[in-house]
Amino acid sequence: MSVGFDGPTPGYRPCVGLVLLNEAGEVFVGRRNDTGPDQPEAWQLPQGGIEDGETPREAAFRELAEEVGTRKAEVLSESTHWFDYDLPPDIAGKKWRGRFKGQSLKWFALRFLGADSDIDIETEHPEFDAWRWAPLDDVPGLIVDFKRAHYERVAAAFRHLIEDPDELEID
């Protein structure tokens, strides 16, 4: 796993990832709706590609709306680096026609400003079939194996927000 400092790593799909935190310091996780009977449940944080001409911050709010069904959030923090992970070879060859060997993500921690009823994963192109709030440190254990080390680094990068409850209070 590599880390890009100035931008996404060449050969990796440029993406954003979202750590959406509620007032209790828990994070939104969604259960992927594309796992088959031969795969275990896979939960993850919202993430997605950055479109041409879009800034990472714009992509973060677009992905929030597309995957979580809300824009009721504000940015608390942004990763200073881009975090990469490789797709397993059998997936990399099929996904994006083999154009990328993995994804390079700029991560954002967001404070959720709404109520649970504002979350609607039944979006135009749903990626999740269920969602819940979970402790940040539990998230790496919910993710597919090939993303686990990546999520451990993300949890470490944003853990300080949970350790300081004043960061999460809504004014």
C-alpha atoms as a PDB file:
ATOM      1  CA  MET A   1       0.000   0.000   0.000  1.00  0.00           C
ATOM      2  CA  SER A   2       1.446   3.324  -0.989  1.00  0.00           C
ATOM      3  CA  VAL A   3       0.674   6.903  -0.051  1.00  0.00           C
ATOM      4  CA  GLY A   4       0.566   9.764  -2.550  1.00  0.00           C
ATOM      5  CA  PHE A   5       1.384  13.210  -1.251  1.00  0.00           C
ATOM      6  CA  ASP A   6       0.463  15.624  -4.039  1.00  0.00           C
ATOM      7  CA  GLY A   7      -2.299  13.727  -5.743  1.00  0.00           C
ATOM      8  CA  PRO A   8      -3.576  10.306  -6.685  1.00  0.00           C
ATOM      9  CA  THR A   9      -0.964   7.731  -7.613  1.00  0.00           C
ATOM     10  CA  PRO A  10      -0.653   7.131 -11.375  1.00  0.00           C
ATOM     11  CA  GLY A  11      -2.244   3.834 -12.386  1.00  0.00           C
ATOM     12  CA  TYR A  12      -4.819   4.090  -9.590  1.00  0.00           C
ATOM     13  CA  ARG A  13      -8.381   5.360  -9.936  1.00  0.00           C
ATOM     14  CA  PRO A  14      -8.723   8.792  -8.242  1.00  0.00           C
ATOM     15  CA  CYS A  15     -11.428   8.577  -5.564  1.00  0.00           C
ATOM     16  CA  VAL A  16     -12.726  10.059  -2.359  1.00  0.00           C
ATOM     17  CA  GLY A  17     -13.707   8.260   0.832  1.00  0.00           C
ATOM     18  CA  LEU A  18     -16.062   9.510   3.539  1.00  0.00           C
ATOM     19  CA  VAL A  19     -15.936   9.041   7.290  1.00  0.00           C
ATOM     20  CA  LEU A  20     -19.404  10.315   8.215  1.00  0.00           C
ATOM     21  CA  LEU A  21     -19.548  10.814  11.992  1.00  0.00           C
ATOM     22  CA  ASN A  22     -22.632  11.235  14.140  1.00  0.00           C
ATOM     23  CA  GLU A  23     -22.689  13.101  17.468  1.00  0.00           C
ATOM     24  CA  ALA A  24     -21.927   9.869  19.347  1.00  0.00           C
ATOM     25  CA  GLY A  25     -18.666   9.480  17.411  1.00  0.00           C
ATOM     26  CA  GLU A  26     -19.914   6.517  15.377  1.00  0.00           C
ATOM     27  CA  VAL A  27     -19.420   6.240  11.624  1.00  0.00           C
ATOM     28  CA  PHE A  28     -21.843   5.409   8.843  1.00  0.00           C
ATOM     29  CA  VAL A  29     -21.184   2.017   7.256  1.00  0.00           C
ATOM     30  CA  GLY A  30     -23.153   0.530   4.392  1.00  0.00           C
ATOM     31  CA  ARG A  31     -23.477  -3.124   3.433  1.00  0.00           C
ATOM     32  CA  ARG A  32     -22.533  -3.561  -0.209  1.00  0.00           C
ATOM     33  CA  ASN A  33     -25.367  -4.853  -2.347  1.00  0.00           C
ATOM     34  CA  ASP A  34     -23.110  -6.547  -4.916  1.00  0.00           C
ATOM     35  CA  THR A  35     -21.735  -9.447  -2.891  1.00  0.00           C
ATOM     36  CA  GLY A  36     -22.711 -12.900  -4.052  1.00  0.00           C
ATOM     37  CA  PRO A  37     -23.533 -16.117  -2.213  1.00  0.00           C
ATOM     38  CA  ASP A  38     -19.850 -17.130  -2.274  1.00  0.00           C
ATOM     39  CA  GLN A  39     -18.783 -13.889  -0.554  1.00  0.00           C
ATOM     40  CA  PRO A  40     -19.325 -12.852   3.053  1.00  0.00           C
ATOM     41  CA  GLU A  41     -21.162  -9.669   3.908  1.00  0.00           C
ATOM     42  CA  ALA A  42     -19.080  -6.653   3.044  1.00  0.00           C
ATOM     43  CA  TRP A  43     -19.575  -3.347   4.798  1.00  0.00           C
ATOM     44  CA  GLN A  44     -17.712  -0.193   3.880  1.00  0.00           C
ATOM     45  CA  LEU A  45     -17.550   3.548   4.210  1.00  0.00           C
ATOM     46  CA  PRO A  46     -18.973   5.562   1.306  1.00  0.00           C
ATOM     47  CA  GLN A  47     -16.449   6.109  -1.467  1.00  0.00           C
ATOM     48  CA  GLY A  48     -16.360   6.763  -5.171  1.00  0.00           C
ATOM     49  CA  GLY A  49     -14.512   8.130  -8.155  1.00  0.00           C
ATOM     50  CA  ILE A  50     -13.689  11.747  -8.826  1.00  0.00           C
ATOM     51  CA  GLU A  51     -15.211  12.937 -12.093  1.00  0.00           C
ATOM     52  CA  ASP A  52     -13.323  15.035 -14.664  1.00  0.00           C
ATOM     53  CA  GLY A  53     -13.244  18.690 -13.627  1.00  0.00           C
ATOM     54  CA  GLU A  54     -14.418  17.921 -10.096  1.00  0.00           C
ATOM     55  CA  THR A  55     -12.449  18.747  -6.947  1.00  0.00           C
ATOM     56  CA  PRO A  56     -12.103  16.074  -4.276  1.00  0.00           C
ATOM     57  CA  ARG A  57     -14.356  18.088  -1.950  1.00  0.00           C
ATOM     58  CA  GLU A  58     -17.059  18.374  -4.645  1.00  0.00           C
ATOM     59  CA  ALA A  59     -16.755  14.632  -5.253  1.00  0.00           C
ATOM     60  CA  ALA A  60     -17.122  13.967  -1.518  1.00  0.00           C
ATOM     61  CA  PHE A  61     -20.487  15.753  -1.334  1.00  0.00           C
ATOM     62  CA  ARG A  62     -21.698  14.211  -4.605  1.00  0.00           C
ATOM     63  CA  GLU A  63     -20.807  10.729  -3.315  1.00  0.00           C
ATOM     64  CA  LEU A  64     -22.513  11.492  -0.005  1.00  0.00           C
ATOM     65  CA  ALA A  65     -25.724  12.304  -1.883  1.00  0.00           C
ATOM     66  CA  GLU A  66     -25.382   9.357  -4.289  1.00  0.00           C
ATOM     67  CA  GLU A  67     -24.611   6.697  -1.672  1.00  0.00           C
ATOM     68  CA  VAL A  68     -26.121   7.985   1.585  1.00  0.00           C
ATOM     69  CA  GLY A  69     -28.952  10.057   0.138  1.00  0.00           C
ATOM     70  CA  THR A  70     -28.158  13.270   2.010  1.00  0.00           C
ATOM     71  CA  ARG A  71     -25.927  16.339   1.893  1.00  0.00           C
ATOM     72  CA  LYS A  72     -26.510  17.196   5.555  1.00  0.00           C
ATOM     73  CA  ALA A  73     -22.888  17.252   6.630  1.00  0.00           C
ATOM     74  CA  GLU A  74     -19.896  19.513   6.973  1.00  0.00           C
ATOM     75  CA  VAL A  75     -16.203  18.786   6.550  1.00  0.00           C
ATOM     76  CA  LEU A  76     -14.294  18.338   9.798  1.00  0.00           C
ATOM     77  CA  SER A  77     -11.009  17.171   8.349  1.00  0.00           C
ATOM     78  CA  GLU A  78      -9.356  16.037   5.134  1.00  0.00           C
ATOM     79  CA  SER A  79      -6.487  13.585   4.781  1.00  0.00           C
ATOM     80  CA  THR A  80      -3.215  15.229   3.880  1.00  0.00           C
ATOM     81  CA  HIS A  81      -2.239  12.231   1.757  1.00  0.00           C
ATOM     82  CA  TRP A  82      -3.894  10.009  -0.823  1.00  0.00           C
ATOM     83  CA  PHE A  83      -4.190   6.406   0.371  1.00  0.00           C
ATOM     84  CA  ASP A  84      -3.902   3.601  -2.190  1.00  0.00           C
ATOM     85  CA  TYR A  85      -5.071   0.025  -2.199  1.00  0.00           C
ATOM     86  CA  ASP A  86      -4.690  -2.651  -4.839  1.00  0.00           C
ATOM     87  CA  LEU A  87      -7.600  -4.663  -6.142  1.00  0.00           C
ATOM     88  CA  PRO A  88      -7.071  -8.425  -6.227  1.00  0.00           C
ATOM     89  CA  PRO A  89      -5.831  -9.404  -9.728  1.00  0.00           C
ATOM     90  CA  ASP A  90      -9.068 -11.237 -10.643  1.00  0.00           C
ATOM     91  CA  ILE A  91     -11.119  -8.113  -9.831  1.00  0.00           C
ATOM     92  CA  ALA A  92      -8.636  -5.592 -11.291  1.00  0.00           C
ATOM     93  CA  GLY A  93      -8.814  -7.304 -14.690  1.00  0.00           C
ATOM     94  CA  LYS A  94     -12.613  -7.011 -14.827  1.00  0.00           C
ATOM     95  CA  LYS A  95     -13.222  -3.715 -13.063  1.00  0.00           C
ATOM     96  CA  TRP A  96     -12.715  -0.634 -15.249  1.00  0.00           C
ATOM     97  CA  ARG A  97     -11.458  -2.967 -18.028  1.00  0.00           C
ATOM     98  CA  GLY A  98      -8.120  -3.343 -16.238  1.00  0.00           C
ATOM     99  CA  ARG A  99      -7.313   0.377 -16.595  1.00  0.00           C
ATOM    100  CA  PHE A 100      -6.442   0.724 -12.894  1.00  0.00           C
ATOM    101  CA  LYS A 101      -4.678  -1.630 -10.516  1.00  0.00           C
ATOM    102  CA  GLY A 102      -6.525  -0.148  -7.549  1.00  0.00           C
ATOM    103  CA  GLN A 103      -7.839   3.052  -6.069  1.00  0.00           C
ATOM    104  CA  SER A 104      -6.152   6.162  -4.667  1.00  0.00           C
ATOM    105  CA  LEU A 105      -8.381   7.937  -2.162  1.00  0.00           C
ATOM    106  CA  LYS A 106      -8.469  11.374  -0.577  1.00  0.00           C
ATOM    107  CA  TRP A 107     -10.423  10.869   2.658  1.00  0.00           C
ATOM    108  CA  PHE A 108     -12.802  13.342   4.305  1.00  0.00           C
ATOM    109  CA  ALA A 109     -14.201  13.236   7.840  1.00  0.00           C
ATOM    110  CA  LEU A 110     -17.669  14.766   7.866  1.00  0.00           C
ATOM    111  CA  ARG A 111     -19.913  15.730  10.751  1.00  0.00           C
ATOM    112  CA  PHE A 112     -23.446  14.502  10.064  1.00  0.00           C
ATOM    113  CA  LEU A 113     -25.884  17.382  10.606  1.00  0.00           C
ATOM    114  CA  GLY A 114     -29.130  15.520  10.096  1.00  0.00           C
ATOM    115  CA  ALA A 115     -31.238  12.864  11.748  1.00  0.00           C
ATOM    116  CA  ASP A 116     -31.173   9.171  10.886  1.00  0.00           C
ATOM    117  CA  SER A 117     -34.387   9.738   8.938  1.00  0.00           C
ATOM    118  CA  ASP A 118     -32.409  11.982   6.544  1.00  0.00           C
ATOM    119  CA  ILE A 119     -30.377   8.984   5.397  1.00  0.00           C
ATOM    120  CA  ASP A 120     -31.871   7.244   2.362  1.00  0.00           C
ATOM    121  CA  ILE A 121     -29.736   4.541   0.734  1.00  0.00           C
ATOM    122  CA  GLU A 122     -32.494   3.887  -1.832  1.00  0.00           C
ATOM    123  CA  THR A 123     -30.786   6.270  -4.247  1.00  0.00           C
ATOM    124  CA  GLU A 124     -30.925   6.256  -8.061  1.00  0.00           C
ATOM    125  CA  HIS A 125     -28.051   3.736  -8.223  1.00  0.00           C
ATOM    126  CA  PRO A 126     -27.943   2.149  -4.757  1.00  0.00           C
ATOM    127  CA  GLU A 127     -24.640   0.659  -3.598  1.00  0.00           C
ATOM    128  CA  PHE A 128     -25.846  -0.451  -0.164  1.00  0.00           C
ATOM    129  CA  ASP A 129     -28.756  -2.629   0.904  1.00  0.00           C
ATOM    130  CA  ALA A 130     -28.409  -1.817   4.629  1.00  0.00           C
ATOM    131  CA  TRP A 131     -26.641   0.724   6.812  1.00  0.00           C
ATOM    132  CA  ARG A 132     -25.810   1.346  10.458  1.00  0.00           C
ATOM    133  CA  TRP A 133     -23.636   3.385  12.772  1.00  0.00           C
ATOM    134  CA  ALA A 134     -20.504   1.634  14.042  1.00  0.00           C
ATOM    135  CA  PRO A 135     -17.443   2.509  16.125  1.00  0.00           C
ATOM    136  CA  LEU A 136     -14.624   3.647  13.834  1.00  0.00           C
ATOM    137  CA  ASP A 137     -12.236   1.062  15.254  1.00  0.00           C
ATOM    138  CA  ASP A 138     -14.693  -1.738  14.319  1.00  0.00           C
ATOM    139  CA  VAL A 139     -14.859  -0.743  10.648  1.00  0.00           C
ATOM    140  CA  PRO A 140     -11.627  -2.476   9.466  1.00  0.00           C
ATOM    141  CA  GLY A 141     -13.058  -5.771  10.734  1.00  0.00           C
ATOM    142  CA  LEU A 142     -16.215  -5.308   8.635  1.00  0.00           C
ATOM    143  CA  ILE A 143     -14.459  -4.652   5.331  1.00  0.00           C
ATOM    144  CA  VAL A 144     -13.320  -7.140   2.689  1.00  0.00           C
ATOM    145  CA  ASP A 145      -9.834  -8.485   3.378  1.00  0.00           C
ATOM    146  CA  PHE A 146      -8.003  -6.632   0.609  1.00  0.00           C
ATOM    147  CA  LYS A 147      -9.117  -3.242   1.999  1.00  0.00           C
ATOM    148  CA  ARG A 148      -8.488  -3.992   5.689  1.00  0.00           C
ATOM    149  CA  ALA A 149      -5.011  -2.407   6.029  1.00  0.00           C
ATOM    150  CA  HIS A 150      -6.276   0.631   4.107  1.00  0.00           C
ATOM    151  CA  TYR A 151      -9.182   1.087   6.533  1.00  0.00           C
ATOM    152  CA  GLU A 152      -6.879   0.672   9.535  1.00  0.00           C
ATOM    153  CA  ARG A 153      -4.844   3.627   8.251  1.00  0.00           C
ATOM    154  CA  VAL A 154      -7.981   5.691   7.672  1.00  0.00           C
ATOM    155  CA  ALA A 155      -9.215   4.938  11.210  1.00  0.00           C
ATOM    156  CA  ALA A 156      -5.837   5.997  12.609  1.00  0.00           C
ATOM    157  CA  ALA A 157      -5.897   9.231  10.582  1.00  0.00           C
ATOM    158  CA  PHE A 158      -9.284  10.332  11.981  1.00  0.00           C
ATOM    159  CA  ARG A 159      -9.349   8.746  15.454  1.00  0.00           C
ATOM    160  CA  HIS A 160      -8.483  12.120  17.039  1.00  0.00           C
ATOM    161  CA  LEU A 161     -11.905  13.455  16.049  1.00  0.00           C
ATOM    162  CA  ILE A 162     -13.628  10.825  18.160  1.00  0.00           C
ATOM    163  CA  GLU A 163     -11.252  11.230  21.073  1.00  0.00           C
ATOM    164  CA  ASP A 164     -12.189  14.937  21.248  1.00  0.00           C
ATOM    165  CA  PRO A 165     -15.994  15.011  21.619  1.00  0.00           C
ATOM    166  CA  ASP A 166     -16.061  18.810  21.144  1.00  0.00           C
ATOM    167  CA  GLU A 167     -15.151  18.172  17.484  1.00  0.00           C
ATOM    168  CA  LEU A 168     -18.478  16.408  16.937  1.00  0.00           C
ATOM    169  CA  GLU A 169     -20.880  18.695  18.786  1.00  0.00           C
ATOM    170  CA  ILE A 170     -23.319  20.515  16.558  1.00  0.00           C
ATOM    171  CA  ASP A 171     -23.517  24.223  17.355  1.00  0.00           C
END
